[in-house]
C-alpha atoms as a PDB file:
ATOM      1  CA  MET A   1     -22.396 145.621  37.777  1.00  0.00           C
ATOM      2  CA  ALA A   2     -22.355 141.824  37.993  1.00  0.00           C
ATOM      3  CA  GLY A   3     -19.870 139.870  35.921  1.00  0.00           C
ATOM      4  CA  ARG A   4     -20.805 137.962  32.803  1.00  0.00           C
ATOM      5  CA  THR A   5     -21.556 134.258  32.644  1.00  0.00           C
ATOM      6  CA  LEU A   6     -19.435 132.639  29.941  1.00  0.00           C
ATOM      7  CA  MET A   7     -20.490 129.151  28.884  1.00  0.00           C
ATOM      8  CA  TRP A   8     -17.616 127.528  26.992  1.00  0.00           C
ATOM      9  CA  TRP A   9     -19.207 125.557  24.168  1.00  0.00           C
ATOM     10  CA  SER A  10     -17.322 122.734  22.455  1.00  0.00           C
ATOM     11  CA  THR A  11     -19.848 121.383  19.889  1.00  0.00           C
ATOM     12  CA  GLY A  12     -20.551 118.189  21.848  1.00  0.00           C
ATOM     13  CA  ALA A  13     -23.405 116.665  23.833  1.00  0.00           C
ATOM     14  CA  ALA A  14     -22.060 117.581  27.266  1.00  0.00           C
ATOM     15  CA  SER A  15     -21.651 121.255  26.457  1.00  0.00           C
ATOM     16  CA  ALA A  16     -25.120 121.271  24.853  1.00  0.00           C
ATOM     17  CA  ILE A  17     -26.759 120.192  28.105  1.00  0.00           C
ATOM     18  CA  ALA A  18     -24.466 122.437  30.168  1.00  0.00           C
ATOM     19  CA  ALA A  19     -25.478 125.361  27.940  1.00  0.00           C
ATOM     20  CA  ALA A  20     -29.171 124.568  28.393  1.00  0.00           C
ATOM     21  CA  LEU A  21     -28.811 124.458  32.176  1.00  0.00           C
ATOM     22  CA  THR A  22     -26.761 127.656  32.172  1.00  0.00           C
ATOM     23  CA  LEU A  23     -29.271 129.613  30.078  1.00  0.00           C
ATOM     24  CA  ARG A  24     -32.104 128.529  32.368  1.00  0.00           C
ATOM     25  CA  GLU A  25     -30.243 130.117  35.272  1.00  0.00           C
ATOM     26  CA  ASP A  26     -28.962 133.135  33.358  1.00  0.00           C
ATOM     27  CA  PRO A  27     -30.681 133.927  30.038  1.00  0.00           C
ATOM     28  CA  ALA A  28     -28.025 136.589  29.401  1.00  0.00           C
ATOM     29  CA  ALA A  29     -25.178 134.049  29.526  1.00  0.00           C
ATOM     30  CA  ILE A  30     -22.730 134.214  26.620  1.00  0.00           C
ATOM     31  CA  ILE A  31     -22.099 130.954  24.790  1.00  0.00           C
ATOM     32  CA  ALA A  32     -18.540 131.137  23.473  1.00  0.00           C
ATOM     33  CA  ARG A  33     -16.374 128.823  21.406  1.00  0.00           C
ATOM     34  CA  CYS A  34     -12.728 129.072  20.438  1.00  0.00           C
ATOM     35  CA  GLU A  35     -12.474 128.146  16.750  1.00  0.00           C
ATOM     36  CA  THR A  36      -9.694 125.715  15.846  1.00  0.00           C
ATOM     37  CA  ASN A  37     -10.954 124.900  12.338  1.00  0.00           C
ATOM     38  CA  ASN A  38     -10.269 121.280  13.282  1.00  0.00           C
ATOM     39  CA  GLU A  39     -13.803 119.974  13.739  1.00  0.00           C
ATOM     40  CA  ASP A  40     -15.663 117.330  11.806  1.00  0.00           C
ATOM     41  CA  PRO A  41     -18.200 119.046   9.499  1.00  0.00           C
ATOM     42  CA  ASP A  42     -21.066 117.324  11.333  1.00  0.00           C
ATOM     43  CA  ASN A  43     -20.120 119.218  14.490  1.00  0.00           C
ATOM     44  CA  TYR A  44     -21.137 122.467  12.840  1.00  0.00           C
ATOM     45  CA  ARG A  45     -24.477 120.936  11.859  1.00  0.00           C
ATOM     46  CA  PHE A  46     -24.959 119.933  15.509  1.00  0.00           C
ATOM     47  CA  GLU A  47     -23.977 123.405  16.696  1.00  0.00           C
ATOM     48  CA  ALA A  48     -26.621 124.979  14.452  1.00  0.00           C
ATOM     49  CA  ASP A  49     -29.254 122.499  15.672  1.00  0.00           C
ATOM     50  CA  VAL A  50     -28.453 123.137  19.332  1.00  0.00           C
ATOM     51  CA  MET A  51     -28.481 126.901  18.940  1.00  0.00           C
ATOM     52  CA  ARG A  52     -31.937 126.704  17.344  1.00  0.00           C
ATOM     53  CA  TRP A  53     -33.054 124.505  20.244  1.00  0.00           C
ATOM     54  CA  LEU A  54     -31.716 127.018  22.758  1.00  0.00           C
ATOM     55  CA  ASN A  55     -32.772 130.086  20.774  1.00  0.00           C
ATOM     56  CA  ALA A  56     -29.197 131.257  21.226  1.00  0.00           C
ATOM     57  CA  SER A  57     -26.074 132.090  19.271  1.00  0.00           C
ATOM     58  CA  VAL A  58     -22.380 131.374  19.635  1.00  0.00           C
ATOM     59  CA  THR A  59     -19.692 133.995  20.067  1.00  0.00           C
ATOM     60  CA  ILE A  60     -16.725 132.721  18.032  1.00  0.00           C
ATOM     61  CA  LEU A  61     -13.226 133.548  19.248  1.00  0.00           C
ATOM     62  CA  GLN A  62     -10.106 132.985  17.149  1.00  0.00           C
ATOM     63  CA  ALA A  63      -6.389 133.335  17.609  1.00  0.00           C
ATOM     64  CA  GLU A  64      -4.958 136.310  15.743  1.00  0.00           C
ATOM     65  CA  THR A  65      -2.292 134.345  13.876  1.00  0.00           C
ATOM     66  CA  ASP A  66      -2.865 130.604  14.226  1.00  0.00           C
ATOM     67  CA  ARG A  67      -5.937 129.554  12.228  1.00  0.00           C
ATOM     68  CA  SER A  68      -5.304 125.808  11.957  1.00  0.00           C
ATOM     69  CA  VAL A  69      -3.941 123.053  14.154  1.00  0.00           C
ATOM     70  CA  TRP A  70      -1.558 122.020  11.379  1.00  0.00           C
ATOM     71  CA  ASN A  71      -0.155 125.547  11.298  1.00  0.00           C
ATOM     72  CA  VAL A  72       0.588 125.361  15.028  1.00  0.00           C
ATOM     73  CA  TRP A  73       2.125 121.901  14.818  1.00  0.00           C
ATOM     74  CA  GLN A  74       4.360 122.746  11.891  1.00  0.00           C
ATOM     75  CA  ARG A  75       5.407 126.199  13.054  1.00  0.00           C
ATOM     76  CA  ARG A  76       6.356 124.902  16.509  1.00  0.00           C
ATOM     77  CA  ARG A  77       7.433 121.413  15.340  1.00  0.00           C
ATOM     78  CA  TYR A  78       5.606 120.144  18.395  1.00  0.00           C
ATOM     79  CA  ILE A  79       2.282 118.344  18.887  1.00  0.00           C
ATOM     80  CA  ALA A  80       1.913 117.539  22.590  1.00  0.00           C
ATOM     81  CA  GLY A  81       3.998 116.575  25.606  1.00  0.00           C
ATOM     82  CA  ILE A  82       4.330 117.021  29.337  1.00  0.00           C
ATOM     83  CA  ASN A  83       3.499 120.709  28.932  1.00  0.00           C
ATOM     84  CA  GLY A  84       0.261 119.959  27.109  1.00  0.00           C
ATOM     85  CA  ALA A  85      -0.636 120.734  23.508  1.00  0.00           C
ATOM     86  CA  GLN A  86       0.392 123.939  21.772  1.00  0.00           C
ATOM     87  CA  CYS A  87      -2.811 123.971  19.725  1.00  0.00           C
ATOM     88  CA  THR A  88      -4.806 124.142  22.971  1.00  0.00           C
ATOM     89  CA  THR A  89      -2.597 126.874  24.406  1.00  0.00           C
ATOM     90  CA  LEU A  90      -2.526 129.072  21.314  1.00  0.00           C
ATOM     91  CA  MET A  91      -5.971 128.458  19.831  1.00  0.00           C
ATOM     92  CA  LYS A  92      -8.145 127.964  22.922  1.00  0.00           C
ATOM     93  CA  VAL A  93      -6.473 129.381  26.016  1.00  0.00           C
ATOM     94  CA  ALA A  94      -5.043 132.539  24.431  1.00  0.00           C
ATOM     95  CA  PRO A  95      -8.341 133.717  22.848  1.00  0.00           C
ATOM     96  CA  ARG A  96     -10.151 132.983  26.111  1.00  0.00           C
ATOM     97  CA  LEU A  97      -7.666 135.041  28.103  1.00  0.00           C
ATOM     98  CA  ALA A  98      -8.074 137.939  25.671  1.00  0.00           C
ATOM     99  CA  PHE A  99     -11.876 137.792  25.900  1.00  0.00           C
ATOM    100  CA  GLN A 100     -12.454 137.193  29.587  1.00  0.00           C
ATOM    101  CA  ARG A 101     -12.869 139.768  32.349  1.00  0.00           C
ATOM    102  CA  PRO A 102     -11.807 139.396  35.991  1.00  0.00           C
ATOM    103  CA  ASP A 103     -15.389 139.153  37.284  1.00  0.00           C
ATOM    104  CA  ASP A 104     -16.658 136.620  34.725  1.00  0.00           C
ATOM    105  CA  VAL A 105     -18.105 133.267  35.790  1.00  0.00           C
ATOM    106  CA  HIS A 106     -16.786 130.486  33.547  1.00  0.00           C
ATOM    107  CA  VAL A 107     -19.040 127.496  32.908  1.00  0.00           C
ATOM    108  CA  PHE A 108     -17.638 124.271  31.465  1.00  0.00           C
ATOM    109  CA  GLY A 109     -19.276 121.090  30.221  1.00  0.00           C
ATOM    110  CA  TYR A 110     -17.319 118.635  32.350  1.00  0.00           C
ATOM    111  CA  THR A 111     -19.447 115.620  33.262  1.00  0.00           C
ATOM    112  CA  ALA A 112     -19.736 113.649  36.494  1.00  0.00           C
ATOM    113  CA  ASP A 113     -17.570 110.830  35.094  1.00  0.00           C
ATOM    114  CA  ARG A 114     -14.417 110.325  37.145  1.00  0.00           C
ATOM    115  CA  GLY A 115     -11.997 111.448  34.435  1.00  0.00           C
ATOM    116  CA  ASP A 116     -13.901 114.671  33.816  1.00  0.00           C
ATOM    117  CA  VAL A 117     -14.170 115.413  37.524  1.00  0.00           C
ATOM    118  CA  GLU A 118     -10.396 115.067  37.802  1.00  0.00           C
ATOM    119  CA  ARG A 119      -9.862 117.313  34.752  1.00  0.00           C
ATOM    120  CA  PHE A 120     -12.154 119.943  36.218  1.00  0.00           C
ATOM    121  CA  GLU A 121     -10.255 119.906  39.497  1.00  0.00           C
ATOM    122  CA  ARG A 122      -6.972 120.373  37.602  1.00  0.00           C
ATOM    123  CA  LEU A 123      -8.507 123.299  35.735  1.00  0.00           C
ATOM    124  CA  ARG A 124      -9.669 124.815  39.009  1.00  0.00           C
ATOM    125  CA  GLU A 125      -6.187 124.447  40.489  1.00  0.00           C
ATOM    126  CA  THR A 126      -4.415 125.781  37.392  1.00  0.00           C
ATOM    127  CA  TYR A 127      -6.694 128.792  36.921  1.00  0.00           C
ATOM    128  CA  PHE A 128      -7.307 129.470  40.603  1.00  0.00           C
ATOM    129  CA  GLU A 129      -7.987 133.139  39.883  1.00  0.00           C
ATOM    130  CA  LEU A 130     -11.137 132.287  37.893  1.00  0.00           C
ATOM    131  CA  THR A 131     -14.639 131.656  39.144  1.00  0.00           C
ATOM    132  CA  VAL A 132     -15.528 128.347  37.494  1.00  0.00           C
ATOM    133  CA  ARG A 133     -18.562 126.070  37.459  1.00  0.00           C
ATOM    134  CA  ALA A 134     -19.429 122.679  36.024  1.00  0.00           C
ATOM    135  CA  PRO A 135     -23.217 122.280  36.249  1.00  0.00           C
ATOM    136  CA  LEU A 136     -23.133 118.684  34.999  1.00  0.00           C
ATOM    137  CA  ILE A 137     -20.823 117.703  37.852  1.00  0.00           C
ATOM    138  CA  GLU A 138     -22.974 119.674  40.286  1.00  0.00           C
ATOM    139  CA  GLN A 139     -26.017 117.673  39.220  1.00  0.00           C
ATOM    140  CA  GLY A 140     -24.286 114.301  38.834  1.00  0.00           C
ATOM    141  CA  ILE A 141     -24.860 114.067  35.087  1.00  0.00           C
ATOM    142  CA  THR A 142     -22.582 111.663  33.194  1.00  0.00           C
ATOM    143  CA  LYS A 143     -21.494 111.708  29.544  1.00  0.00           C
ATOM    144  CA  ALA A 144     -23.890 108.836  28.769  1.00  0.00           C
ATOM    145  CA  ALA A 145     -26.693 110.843  30.350  1.00  0.00           C
ATOM    146  CA  THR A 146     -25.949 113.910  28.213  1.00  0.00           C
ATOM    147  CA  LEU A 147     -26.144 111.769  25.070  1.00  0.00           C
ATOM    148  CA  ALA A 148     -29.544 110.487  26.165  1.00  0.00           C
ATOM    149  CA  MET A 149     -30.768 113.975  27.077  1.00  0.00           C
ATOM    150  CA  VAL A 150     -29.759 115.346  23.677  1.00  0.00           C
ATOM    151  CA  GLU A 151     -31.586 112.543  21.893  1.00  0.00           C
ATOM    152  CA  ARG A 152     -34.657 112.949  24.094  1.00  0.00           C
ATOM    153  CA  ALA A 153     -34.694 116.633  23.166  1.00  0.00           C
ATOM    154  CA  GLY A 154     -35.145 115.531  19.541  1.00  0.00           C
ATOM    155  CA  LEU A 155     -31.627 116.424  18.423  1.00  0.00           C
ATOM    156  CA  LYS A 156     -29.345 114.281  16.284  1.00  0.00           C
ATOM    157  CA  LEU A 157     -25.981 113.720  17.977  1.00  0.00           C
ATOM    158  CA  PRO A 158     -22.687 114.429  16.174  1.00  0.00           C
ATOM    159  CA  ARG A 159     -21.773 111.348  14.137  1.00  0.00           C
ATOM    160  CA  SER A 160     -18.495 110.903  16.045  1.00  0.00           C
ATOM    161  CA  TYR A 161     -20.286 109.395  19.070  1.00  0.00           C
ATOM    162  CA  ALA A 162     -21.762 106.552  17.001  1.00  0.00           C
ATOM    163  CA  MET A 163     -18.279 105.933  15.594  1.00  0.00           C
ATOM    164  CA  GLY A 164     -17.040 105.332  19.147  1.00  0.00           C
ATOM    165  CA  PHE A 165     -15.227 108.582  19.929  1.00  0.00           C
ATOM    166  CA  PRO A 166     -15.716 109.777  23.527  1.00  0.00           C
ATOM    167  CA  ASN A 167     -15.994 113.384  22.377  1.00  0.00           C
ATOM    168  CA  ALA A 168     -16.701 115.182  19.136  1.00  0.00           C
ATOM    169  CA  ASN A 169     -13.570 117.270  18.736  1.00  0.00           C
ATOM    170  CA  CYS A 170     -10.382 117.383  16.642  1.00  0.00           C
ATOM    171  CA  LEU A 171     -11.348 114.862  13.990  1.00  0.00           C
ATOM    172  CA  LEU A 172      -9.412 116.515  11.161  1.00  0.00           C
ATOM    173  CA  THR A 173      -6.076 115.620  12.762  1.00  0.00           C
ATOM    174  CA  GLY A 174      -6.847 113.410  15.735  1.00  0.00           C
ATOM    175  CA  CYS A 175      -6.348 114.762  19.241  1.00  0.00           C
ATOM    176  CA  GLY A 176      -2.650 115.335  19.859  1.00  0.00           C
ATOM    177  CA  LYS A 177      -3.212 114.997  23.616  1.00  0.00           C
ATOM    178  CA  ALA A 178      -4.737 111.515  23.283  1.00  0.00           C
ATOM    179  CA  LYS A 179      -2.391 108.834  24.629  1.00  0.00           C
ATOM    180  CA  SER A 180      -4.726 105.864  24.333  1.00  0.00           C
ATOM    181  CA  PRO A 181      -3.809 103.412  21.539  1.00  0.00           C
ATOM    182  CA  ARG A 182      -7.498 102.448  21.425  1.00  0.00           C
ATOM    183  CA  TYR A 183      -8.329 106.044  20.486  1.00  0.00           C
ATOM    184  CA  TRP A 184      -5.720 106.150  17.723  1.00  0.00           C
ATOM    185  CA  ALA A 185      -6.753 102.718  16.444  1.00  0.00           C
ATOM    186  CA  LEU A 186     -10.313 104.017  16.179  1.00  0.00           C
ATOM    187  CA  TYR A 187      -9.143 107.195  14.471  1.00  0.00           C
ATOM    188  CA  ARG A 188      -7.157 105.142  11.950  1.00  0.00           C
ATOM    189  CA  LYS A 189     -10.258 103.006  11.257  1.00  0.00           C
ATOM    190  CA  HIS A 190     -12.557 105.927  10.463  1.00  0.00           C
ATOM    191  CA  PHE A 191     -10.075 108.498   9.117  1.00  0.00           C
ATOM    192  CA  PRO A 192      -7.213 106.555   7.503  1.00  0.00           C
ATOM    193  CA  ALA A 193      -5.882 109.399   5.343  1.00  0.00           C
ATOM    194  CA  GLU A 194      -5.879 111.897   8.208  1.00  0.00           C
ATOM    195  CA  PHE A 195      -4.301 109.296  10.507  1.00  0.00           C
ATOM    196  CA  ALA A 196      -1.527 108.651   7.986  1.00  0.00           C
ATOM    197  CA  ARG A 197      -0.748 112.356   7.714  1.00  0.00           C
ATOM    198  CA  THR A 198      -0.604 112.837  11.492  1.00  0.00           C
ATOM    199  CA  ALA A 199       1.428 109.653  11.948  1.00  0.00           C
ATOM    200  CA  ALA A 200       3.962 110.712   9.314  1.00  0.00           C
ATOM    201  CA  TYR A 201       4.445 114.140  10.870  1.00  0.00           C
ATOM    202  CA  ALA A 202       4.730 112.656  14.360  1.00  0.00           C
ATOM    203  CA  ARG A 203       7.504 110.437  13.022  1.00  0.00           C
ATOM    204  CA  GLU A 204       9.200 113.419  11.386  1.00  0.00           C
ATOM    205  CA  ILE A 205       9.433 115.379  14.630  1.00  0.00           C
ATOM    206  CA  GLY A 206       9.864 112.388  16.956  1.00  0.00           C
ATOM    207  CA  ALA A 207       6.517 112.732  18.707  1.00  0.00           C
ATOM    208  CA  ARG A 208       5.578 109.462  20.396  1.00  0.00           C
ATOM    209  CA  LEU A 209       1.955 110.248  21.105  1.00  0.00           C
ATOM    210  CA  THR A 210       0.750 106.933  22.488  1.00  0.00           C
ATOM    211  CA  GLU A 211       1.774 104.186  24.898  1.00  0.00           C
ATOM    212  CA  LEU A 212       2.226 100.490  24.098  1.00  0.00           C
ATOM    213  CA  ASN A 213       3.215  97.970  26.766  1.00  0.00           C
ATOM    214  CA  GLY A 214       4.023 100.787  29.173  1.00  0.00           C
ATOM    215  CA  GLU A 215       6.356 102.643  26.800  1.00  0.00           C
ATOM    216  CA  ARG A 216       5.901 105.672  24.579  1.00  0.00           C
ATOM    217  CA  ALA A 217       5.363 104.781  20.942  1.00  0.00           C
ATOM    218  CA  PHE A 218       4.587 106.291  17.561  1.00  0.00           C
ATOM    219  CA  ILE A 219       0.937 105.953  16.623  1.00  0.00           C
ATOM    220  CA  ASP A 220       1.826 104.042  13.434  1.00  0.00           C
ATOM    221  CA  GLU A 221       3.308 101.318  15.668  1.00  0.00           C
ATOM    222  CA  ILE A 222      -0.162 100.431  16.972  1.00  0.00           C
ATOM    223  CA  PRO A 223      -0.962  96.900  15.671  1.00  0.00           C
ATOM    224  CA  ALA A 224      -3.547  96.706  12.911  1.00  0.00           C
ATOM    225  CA  ASP A 225      -5.750  94.465  15.046  1.00  0.00           C
ATOM    226  CA  HIS A 226      -5.541  96.617  18.171  1.00  0.00           C
ATOM    227  CA  PRO A 227      -8.954  97.050  19.867  1.00  0.00           C
ATOM    228  CA  THR A 228     -10.670 100.402  19.507  1.00  0.00           C
ATOM    229  CA  THR A 229     -12.621 102.634  21.865  1.00  0.00           C
ATOM    230  CA  ASP A 230     -16.189 101.472  22.436  1.00  0.00           C
ATOM    231  CA  ALA A 231     -19.078 103.814  21.740  1.00  0.00           C
ATOM    232  CA  ILE A 232     -20.760 105.319  24.786  1.00  0.00           C
ATOM    233  CA  VAL A 233     -24.329 104.081  25.102  1.00  0.00           C
ATOM    234  CA  PRO A 234     -26.803 106.890  25.890  1.00  0.00           C
ATOM    235  CA  ALA A 235     -28.308 106.241  29.321  1.00  0.00           C
ATOM    236  CA  CYS A 236     -30.461 108.584  31.384  1.00  0.00           C
ATOM    237  CA  ASP A 237     -30.612 107.756  35.103  1.00  0.00           C
ATOM    238  CA  PHE A 238     -32.755 109.447  37.741  1.00  0.00           C
ATOM    239  CA  LEU A 239     -30.297 112.356  38.093  1.00  0.00           C
ATOM    240  CA  CYS A 240     -30.544 113.277  34.438  1.00  0.00           C
ATOM    241  CA  ALA A 241     -34.329 112.852  34.649  1.00  0.00           C
ATOM    242  CA  ILE A 242     -34.360 115.353  37.519  1.00  0.00           C
ATOM    243  CA  ALA A 243     -32.263 117.738  35.430  1.00  0.00           C
ATOM    244  CA  GLU A 244     -34.700 117.385  32.533  1.00  0.00           C
ATOM    245  CA  GLN A 245     -37.559 118.242  34.894  1.00  0.00           C
ATOM    246  CA  ASP A 246     -35.615 121.307  36.002  1.00  0.00           C
ATOM    247  CA  LEU A 247     -35.192 122.391  32.382  1.00  0.00           C
ATOM    248  CA  ALA A 248     -38.900 121.906  31.749  1.00  0.00           C
ATOM    249  CA  SER A 249     -39.883 123.864  34.863  1.00  0.00           C
ATOM    250  CA  HIS A 250     -38.074 127.039  33.813  1.00  0.00           C
ATOM    251  CA  PRO A 251     -39.036 129.258  30.879  1.00  0.00           C
ATOM    252  CA  ALA A 252     -36.810 129.063  27.823  1.00  0.00           C
ATOM    253  CA  PRO A 253     -34.881 132.242  26.925  1.00  0.00           C
ATOM    254  CA  SER A 254     -37.320 132.822  24.055  1.00  0.00           C
ATOM    255  CA  GLU A 255     -40.213 132.794  26.531  1.00  0.00           C
ATOM    256  CA  ILE A 256     -38.703 135.531  28.678  1.00  0.00           C
ATOM    257  CA  GLU A 257     -39.726 139.075  27.823  1.00  0.00           C
ATOM    258  CA  GLY A 258     -37.165 140.489  25.418  1.00  0.00           C
ATOM    259  CA  GLY A 259     -35.785 137.065  24.433  1.00  0.00           C
ATOM    260  CA  ARG A 260     -32.025 136.736  23.962  1.00  0.00           C
ATOM    261  CA  PRO A 261     -29.817 139.803  24.511  1.00  0.00           C
END
């Protein structure tokens, strides 16, 4: 019996297009998401819209004990460091390990942008025992292209992209793994109360989450006039147009006899 295809959904544009491509290849693929309870409410609206578009559903996985990022941070008195982020380890990696099987194929929404390609290669090296795929990288599709493809499919993007965030995740606390002062300056601009809470706790435990002038710094040391991350402009080049043609040339899961499993 062949292994399952697990498409790891993260409520953003890239994973939406990766999920669409995956379901065209394997209508029985399982779309799975590890719940951190740390998403902007608009992400859940987007998730519902995408699942209607795909005629699919999401399998939600949760850690047995840790149900919030704040719980992890406070229980461990640790946000992120050279060993990564505990919230990722406990709330995303652990549920995935419990759910996966040795013969599964794992599909991720990494894009063809340089940073994502490098992250995918690190994932491949770290979890060398897994069979992993990144269809967006395979087809040369960038983050900007996924934004355009989502819009061209008639879907409203998560509001975080228009705000300037490069991804749609972790907006209740800010991403503890983010080192960029431009990211934290943007987070402070749009979510001042949440920023203040994260900044105060980072101070309490001595977590210098960002870098200023080449040195680690507390996020509340970022100058008030520091520039913020620029919004990604949706842009569909010929590679994403080819991918759209591929999507159109294959029947949707709902058009296949029996529909979704």
